[in-house]
């Protein structure tokens, strides 16, 4: 590409960008955003806060939320009665020592039927 062709291409691109910039300058939304930013920076300077400090005040973030216990659903209490021995075992989890022994001896399907 010759230098003059490159120059004309860049000049045309610049003209397009200047037209887009002029169009943005007259946009009411842009003017409102610029005014908001100016006022916000004024308030930050007036009170001596940084933007990050204000964001931390408005949204403390996960650091303070992790101190709270997680809302985890409590497992329901299941009661198993062994019909052979009459022994009753109550558990909230599935990894109970006695229940596992029963499953090994009588079978998992049979033990599940003993649940109340």
Protein backbone atom coordinates (compact mmCIF):
# COMPACT_ATOMS: atom_id res chain seq x y z
CA UNK A 1 0.00 0.00 0.00
CA UNK A 2 1.35 3.41 -0.89
CA UNK A 3 1.90 6.04 1.74
CA UNK A 4 -0.74 8.35 0.28
CA UNK A 5 -3.38 5.57 0.29
CA UNK A 6 -2.56 4.74 3.92
CA UNK A 7 -2.73 8.44 4.80
CA UNK A 8 -6.17 8.81 3.17
CA UNK A 9 -7.45 5.65 4.89
CA UNK A 10 -6.29 6.87 8.31
CA UNK A 11 -7.71 10.33 7.62
CA UNK A 12 -11.12 8.78 6.80
CA UNK A 13 -11.02 6.69 10.00
CA UNK A 14 -10.16 9.79 12.01
CA UNK A 15 -13.08 11.69 10.46
CA UNK A 16 -15.45 8.82 11.39
CA UNK A 17 -14.15 8.74 14.96
CA UNK A 18 -14.45 12.54 15.31
CA UNK A 19 -18.06 12.35 14.08
CA UNK A 20 -18.83 9.61 16.61
CA UNK A 21 -17.19 11.69 19.36
CA UNK A 22 -19.29 14.76 18.45
CA UNK A 23 -22.42 12.61 18.53
CA UNK A 24 -21.50 11.33 22.01
CA UNK A 25 -20.85 14.85 23.30
CA UNK A 26 -24.44 15.83 22.52
CA UNK A 27 -25.90 12.69 24.16
CA UNK A 28 -27.98 13.49 27.28
CA UNK A 29 -27.13 10.17 28.96
CA UNK A 30 -23.42 10.89 28.66
CA UNK A 31 -23.91 14.37 30.10
CA UNK A 32 -25.80 12.93 33.09
CA UNK A 33 -23.09 10.32 33.70
CA UNK A 34 -20.36 12.97 33.54
CA UNK A 35 -22.31 15.16 35.98
CA UNK A 36 -22.81 12.20 38.32
CA UNK A 37 -19.12 11.30 38.22
CA UNK A 38 -18.14 14.90 38.92
CA UNK A 39 -20.49 15.18 41.89
CA UNK A 40 -19.42 11.80 43.24
CA UNK A 41 -15.73 12.73 43.07
CA UNK A 42 -16.58 15.99 44.85
CA UNK A 43 -18.31 14.10 47.65
CA UNK A 44 -15.42 11.66 47.96
CA UNK A 45 -12.98 14.54 48.34
CA UNK A 46 -15.28 16.40 50.76
CA UNK A 47 -15.55 13.43 53.13
CA UNK A 48 -12.06 12.06 52.56
CA UNK A 49 -13.14 8.64 51.37
CA UNK A 50 -11.77 6.59 48.52
CA UNK A 51 -14.07 4.90 46.04
CA UNK A 52 -13.01 1.48 47.38
CA UNK A 53 -13.95 2.52 50.94
CA UNK A 54 -17.43 3.53 49.80
CA UNK A 55 -17.84 0.24 47.94
CA UNK A 56 -16.78 -1.67 51.05
CA UNK A 57 -19.34 0.25 53.12
CA UNK A 58 -22.15 -0.44 50.65
CA UNK A 59 -21.27 -4.10 50.04
CA UNK A 60 -19.09 -5.64 52.77
CA UNK A 61 -18.38 -8.64 50.59
CA UNK A 62 -17.76 -12.26 51.45
CA UNK A 63 -15.36 -11.55 54.33
CA UNK A 64 -18.19 -10.73 56.75
CA UNK A 65 -20.58 -13.26 55.30
CA UNK A 66 -18.27 -16.21 56.00
CA UNK A 67 -18.55 -15.60 59.75
CA UNK A 68 -22.21 -16.57 59.63
CA UNK A 69 -23.12 -20.25 59.66
CA UNK A 70 -24.21 -21.59 56.31
CA UNK A 71 -27.91 -22.32 55.98
CA UNK A 72 -27.59 -26.06 55.71
CA UNK A 73 -30.65 -28.25 55.98
CA UNK A 74 -30.57 -30.53 59.00
CA UNK A 75 -30.86 -34.23 58.20
CA UNK A 76 -33.97 -35.98 59.40
CA UNK A 77 -33.70 -38.49 62.22
CA UNK A 78 -34.25 -42.07 61.07
CA UNK A 79 -35.01 -44.91 63.39
CA UNK A 80 -34.17 -48.52 62.51
CA UNK A 81 -35.62 -51.46 64.45
CA UNK A 82 -34.00 -54.86 64.01
CA UNK A 83 -36.87 -57.38 64.01
CA UNK A 84 -34.51 -60.23 64.92
CA UNK A 85 -33.08 -58.65 68.09
CA UNK A 86 -35.53 -55.81 68.81
CA UNK A 87 -32.61 -53.37 68.93
CA UNK A 88 -33.46 -49.76 67.93
CA UNK A 89 -30.89 -47.42 66.39
CA UNK A 90 -31.56 -43.74 65.67
CA UNK A 91 -29.26 -41.91 63.26
CA UNK A 92 -29.13 -38.82 61.06
CA UNK A 93 -26.40 -40.11 58.76
CA UNK A 94 -25.99 -43.18 56.62
CA UNK A 95 -22.59 -44.22 57.96
CA UNK A 96 -23.61 -45.65 61.33
CA UNK A 97 -21.50 -48.52 62.71
CA UNK A 98 -24.42 -50.73 63.80
CA UNK A 99 -26.47 -50.02 60.64
CA UNK A 100 -23.46 -50.94 58.47
CA UNK A 101 -23.02 -54.18 60.42
CA UNK A 102 -26.70 -55.02 59.91
CA UNK A 103 -26.39 -54.26 56.18
CA UNK A 104 -23.42 -56.62 55.97
CA UNK A 105 -25.30 -59.35 57.83
CA UNK A 106 -28.87 -59.00 56.46
CA UNK A 107 -28.40 -56.99 53.24
CA UNK A 108 -28.91 -53.29 52.53
CA UNK A 109 -32.40 -53.69 51.05
CA UNK A 110 -33.62 -55.61 54.10
CA UNK A 111 -32.21 -53.02 56.55
CA UNK A 112 -33.84 -50.14 54.59
CA UNK A 113 -37.21 -51.78 55.20
CA UNK A 114 -36.61 -51.56 58.96
CA UNK A 115 -36.55 -47.75 58.88
CA UNK A 116 -39.41 -45.79 60.44
